[in-house]
Amino acid sequence: MKTPQLLDTIAILKPISIDRLSLMEAEYDFNSALPVGLVGTIVDIHQDNQGVDYLVEFADSDGCEFAIAYLKANEFLTLQYELTAA
């Protein structure tokens, strides 16, 4: 399995609670969490003695950012658009 990289496109595998988000646009209402399957982009990778955190930006179809959150690798799936050799 490929290690997630900067600018990879991801889809979240479990709901991300609202208290873990920095919301950029108040018009979006997520109730209590971002839904499973929502697509985002890794915009920063932070590594320390407690592990690796990925800062993921979520944007609408116009490219306007509406939320960001730090996620662990087990909370998302990296989307792949090209076939790679094993």
N, C-alpha and C. Protein backbone atom coordinates (compact mmCIF):
# COMPACT_ATOMS: atom_id res chain seq x y z
N MET A 1 0.84 -1.18 0.00
CA MET A 1 0.00 0.00 0.00
C MET A 1 0.88 1.25 0.00
N LYS A 2 0.55 2.20 -0.83
CA LYS A 2 1.30 3.43 -0.98
C LYS A 2 1.08 4.37 0.21
N THR A 3 2.15 4.98 0.68
CA THR A 3 2.04 5.97 1.76
C THR A 3 1.39 7.23 1.21
N PRO A 4 0.40 7.78 1.91
CA PRO A 4 -0.24 9.02 1.44
C PRO A 4 0.79 10.15 1.28
N GLN A 5 0.63 10.91 0.22
CA GLN A 5 1.55 12.00 -0.12
C GLN A 5 0.82 13.32 -0.19
N LEU A 6 1.58 14.40 -0.13
CA LEU A 6 1.05 15.74 -0.27
C LEU A 6 0.30 15.86 -1.59
N LEU A 7 -0.87 16.44 -1.57
CA LEU A 7 -1.77 16.68 -2.70
C LEU A 7 -2.51 15.44 -3.19
N ASP A 8 -2.39 14.31 -2.49
CA ASP A 8 -3.20 13.14 -2.83
C ASP A 8 -4.67 13.45 -2.57
N THR A 9 -5.53 12.87 -3.39
CA THR A 9 -6.97 12.97 -3.20
C THR A 9 -7.39 11.79 -2.34
N ILE A 10 -8.22 12.06 -1.33
CA ILE A 10 -8.64 11.00 -0.40
C ILE A 10 -10.16 11.00 -0.25
N ALA A 11 -10.68 9.90 0.27
CA ALA A 11 -12.09 9.80 0.66
C ALA A 11 -12.10 9.31 2.10
N ILE A 12 -12.92 9.94 2.94
CA ILE A 12 -12.94 9.54 4.35
C ILE A 12 -13.72 8.24 4.54
N LEU A 13 -13.22 7.39 5.45
CA LEU A 13 -13.78 6.08 5.69
C LEU A 13 -14.73 6.02 6.88
N LYS A 14 -14.67 7.02 7.74
CA LYS A 14 -15.57 7.07 8.90
C LYS A 14 -15.94 8.52 9.13
N PRO A 15 -17.08 8.77 9.73
CA PRO A 15 -17.49 10.16 9.95
C PRO A 15 -16.43 10.92 10.77
N ILE A 16 -16.20 12.17 10.39
CA ILE A 16 -15.26 13.03 11.12
C ILE A 16 -16.10 14.06 11.87
N SER A 17 -16.05 13.97 13.20
CA SER A 17 -16.92 14.82 14.03
C SER A 17 -16.59 16.30 13.87
N ILE A 18 -17.61 17.09 14.02
CA ILE A 18 -17.52 18.54 13.82
C ILE A 18 -16.51 19.19 14.75
N ASP A 19 -16.29 18.61 15.93
CA ASP A 19 -15.34 19.21 16.87
C ASP A 19 -13.88 19.03 16.43
N ARG A 20 -13.63 18.20 15.43
CA ARG A 20 -12.28 18.04 14.88
C ARG A 20 -12.04 18.92 13.66
N LEU A 21 -13.03 19.67 13.24
CA LEU A 21 -12.94 20.46 12.01
C LEU A 21 -12.68 21.92 12.28
N SER A 22 -12.01 22.56 11.33
CA SER A 22 -11.97 24.01 11.25
C SER A 22 -12.86 24.34 10.06
N LEU A 23 -13.99 24.98 10.34
CA LEU A 23 -14.95 25.30 9.27
C LEU A 23 -14.64 26.68 8.70
N MET A 24 -14.64 26.75 7.38
CA MET A 24 -14.34 28.00 6.68
C MET A 24 -15.61 28.71 6.22
N GLU A 25 -16.65 27.96 5.98
CA GLU A 25 -17.90 28.51 5.48
C GLU A 25 -19.04 28.11 6.39
N ALA A 26 -19.69 29.07 6.97
CA ALA A 26 -20.79 28.80 7.91
C ALA A 26 -22.03 28.24 7.22
N GLU A 27 -22.15 28.43 5.91
CA GLU A 27 -23.35 27.99 5.20
C GLU A 27 -23.47 26.48 5.09
N TYR A 28 -22.37 25.76 5.29
CA TYR A 28 -22.42 24.30 5.21
C TYR A 28 -22.84 23.74 6.56
N ASP A 29 -23.82 22.85 6.55
CA ASP A 29 -24.32 22.25 7.77
C ASP A 29 -24.07 20.75 7.71
N PHE A 30 -23.22 20.27 8.61
CA PHE A 30 -22.87 18.86 8.61
C PHE A 30 -23.50 18.11 9.76
N ASN A 31 -24.45 18.73 10.45
CA ASN A 31 -25.05 18.14 11.64
C ASN A 31 -23.94 17.90 12.66
N SER A 32 -23.49 16.67 12.80
CA SER A 32 -22.46 16.40 13.81
C SER A 32 -21.16 15.88 13.22
N ALA A 33 -21.11 15.63 11.90
CA ALA A 33 -19.89 15.05 11.32
C ALA A 33 -19.85 15.21 9.80
N LEU A 34 -18.63 15.16 9.26
CA LEU A 34 -18.49 15.04 7.80
C LEU A 34 -18.87 13.61 7.44
N PRO A 35 -19.60 13.41 6.36
CA PRO A 35 -20.08 12.06 6.02
C PRO A 35 -19.00 11.18 5.41
N VAL A 36 -19.17 9.89 5.59
CA VAL A 36 -18.29 8.90 4.96
C VAL A 36 -18.33 9.09 3.45
N GLY A 37 -17.16 8.96 2.82
CA GLY A 37 -17.08 9.08 1.37
C GLY A 37 -16.75 10.46 0.86
N LEU A 38 -16.80 11.46 1.74
CA LEU A 38 -16.48 12.82 1.31
C LEU A 38 -15.03 12.87 0.83
N VAL A 39 -14.80 13.57 -0.27
CA VAL A 39 -13.48 13.63 -0.89
C VAL A 39 -12.77 14.91 -0.49
N GLY A 40 -11.46 14.78 -0.22
CA GLY A 40 -10.64 15.92 0.15
C GLY A 40 -9.25 15.77 -0.43
N THR A 41 -8.38 16.74 -0.10
CA THR A 41 -7.00 16.76 -0.60
C THR A 41 -6.05 16.94 0.57
N ILE A 42 -4.98 16.16 0.60
CA ILE A 42 -3.95 16.32 1.63
C ILE A 42 -3.14 17.58 1.31
N VAL A 43 -3.14 18.54 2.24
CA VAL A 43 -2.42 19.80 2.00
C VAL A 43 -1.22 19.98 2.92
N ASP A 44 -1.07 19.12 3.92
CA ASP A 44 0.10 19.16 4.79
C ASP A 44 0.23 17.82 5.50
N ILE A 45 1.46 17.45 5.82
CA ILE A 45 1.73 16.22 6.55
C ILE A 45 2.58 16.58 7.75
N HIS A 46 2.11 16.20 8.92
CA HIS A 46 2.80 16.53 10.17
C HIS A 46 3.19 15.24 10.88
N GLN A 47 4.50 15.10 11.14
CA GLN A 47 4.98 13.90 11.83
C GLN A 47 5.68 14.31 13.11
N ASP A 48 5.35 13.60 14.19
CA ASP A 48 6.02 13.80 15.47
C ASP A 48 6.16 12.45 16.16
N ASN A 49 6.53 12.45 17.42
CA ASN A 49 6.76 11.19 18.12
C ASN A 49 5.47 10.41 18.37
N GLN A 50 4.31 11.01 18.11
CA GLN A 50 3.03 10.31 18.28
C GLN A 50 2.47 9.79 16.96
N GLY A 51 3.20 9.98 15.88
CA GLY A 51 2.75 9.47 14.59
C GLY A 51 2.62 10.53 13.53
N VAL A 52 1.90 10.19 12.47
CA VAL A 52 1.73 11.07 11.32
C VAL A 52 0.28 11.54 11.27
N ASP A 53 0.09 12.83 11.08
CA ASP A 53 -1.23 13.43 10.87
C ASP A 53 -1.24 14.08 9.50
N TYR A 54 -2.36 13.95 8.82
CA TYR A 54 -2.52 14.52 7.49
C TYR A 54 -3.56 15.63 7.56
N LEU A 55 -3.17 16.85 7.17
CA LEU A 55 -4.12 17.95 7.11
C LEU A 55 -4.85 17.85 5.78
N VAL A 56 -6.16 17.66 5.86
CA VAL A 56 -6.97 17.44 4.66
C VAL A 56 -7.93 18.61 4.49
N GLU A 57 -7.95 19.14 3.28
CA GLU A 57 -8.83 20.25 2.91
C GLU A 57 -10.02 19.68 2.15
N PHE A 58 -11.20 20.14 2.52
CA PHE A 58 -12.43 19.76 1.83
C PHE A 58 -12.98 20.99 1.12
N ALA A 59 -13.30 20.84 -0.16
CA ALA A 59 -13.76 21.97 -0.97
C ALA A 59 -15.01 21.58 -1.74
N ASP A 60 -15.80 22.60 -2.10
CA ASP A 60 -17.01 22.32 -2.89
C ASP A 60 -16.65 22.19 -4.37
N SER A 61 -17.64 21.99 -5.21
CA SER A 61 -17.41 21.77 -6.64
C SER A 61 -16.86 23.01 -7.35
N ASP A 62 -16.94 24.17 -6.71
CA ASP A 62 -16.35 25.40 -7.26
C ASP A 62 -14.92 25.61 -6.78
N GLY A 63 -14.43 24.70 -5.95
CA GLY A 63 -13.07 24.80 -5.44
C GLY A 63 -12.92 25.66 -4.20
N CYS A 64 -14.04 26.05 -3.59
CA CYS A 64 -14.00 26.87 -2.38
C CYS A 64 -13.88 25.98 -1.15
N GLU A 65 -12.82 26.18 -0.37
CA GLU A 65 -12.60 25.39 0.83
C GLU A 65 -13.70 25.67 1.85
N PHE A 66 -14.25 24.59 2.43
CA PHE A 66 -15.26 24.79 3.47
C PHE A 66 -14.86 24.18 4.81
N ALA A 67 -13.86 23.29 4.82
CA ALA A 67 -13.42 22.70 6.09
C ALA A 67 -12.04 22.09 5.93
N ILE A 68 -11.32 22.02 7.06
CA ILE A 68 -10.05 21.30 7.12
C ILE A 68 -10.03 20.48 8.40
N ALA A 69 -9.28 19.39 8.38
CA ALA A 69 -9.15 18.54 9.56
C ALA A 69 -7.87 17.73 9.48
N TYR A 70 -7.27 17.47 10.65
CA TYR A 70 -6.15 16.54 10.72
C TYR A 70 -6.70 15.14 10.84
N LEU A 71 -6.25 14.24 9.97
CA LEU A 71 -6.72 12.85 9.96
C LEU A 71 -5.54 11.90 10.08
N LYS A 72 -5.80 10.72 10.62
CA LYS A 72 -4.83 9.63 10.63
C LYS A 72 -5.03 8.81 9.35
N ALA A 73 -4.01 8.08 8.95
CA ALA A 73 -4.06 7.31 7.70
C ALA A 73 -5.18 6.27 7.71
N ASN A 74 -5.57 5.76 8.88
CA ASN A 74 -6.63 4.74 8.92
C ASN A 74 -8.03 5.34 8.81
N GLU A 75 -8.13 6.67 8.71
CA GLU A 75 -9.43 7.32 8.59
C GLU A 75 -9.80 7.66 7.15
N PHE A 76 -8.90 7.39 6.22
CA PHE A 76 -9.19 7.72 4.83
C PHE A 76 -8.56 6.71 3.88
N LEU A 77 -9.04 6.76 2.65
CA LEU A 77 -8.54 5.93 1.56
C LEU A 77 -7.98 6.87 0.50
N THR A 78 -6.75 6.61 0.08
CA THR A 78 -6.16 7.42 -0.99
C THR A 78 -6.76 6.96 -2.32
N LEU A 79 -7.30 7.91 -3.06
CA LEU A 79 -7.91 7.57 -4.35
C LEU A 79 -6.84 7.50 -5.42
N GLN A 80 -6.98 6.53 -6.30
CA GLN A 80 -6.00 6.29 -7.34
C GLN A 80 -6.68 6.38 -8.68
N TYR A 81 -6.08 7.16 -9.58
CA TYR A 81 -6.68 7.37 -10.89
C TYR A 81 -5.94 6.65 -12.01
N GLU A 82 -4.76 6.11 -11.71
CA GLU A 82 -3.99 5.40 -12.71
C GLU A 82 -3.63 4.02 -12.20
N LEU A 83 -3.55 3.08 -13.08
CA LEU A 83 -3.14 1.73 -12.73
C LEU A 83 -1.63 1.75 -12.49
N THR A 84 -1.19 1.20 -11.37
CA THR A 84 0.23 1.11 -11.09
C THR A 84 0.63 -0.36 -11.01
N ALA A 85 1.84 -0.66 -11.45
CA ALA A 85 2.33 -2.03 -11.42
C ALA A 85 2.61 -2.44 -9.99
N ALA A 86 2.32 -3.68 -9.67
CA ALA A 86 2.55 -4.18 -8.32
C ALA A 86 4.00 -4.51 -8.09
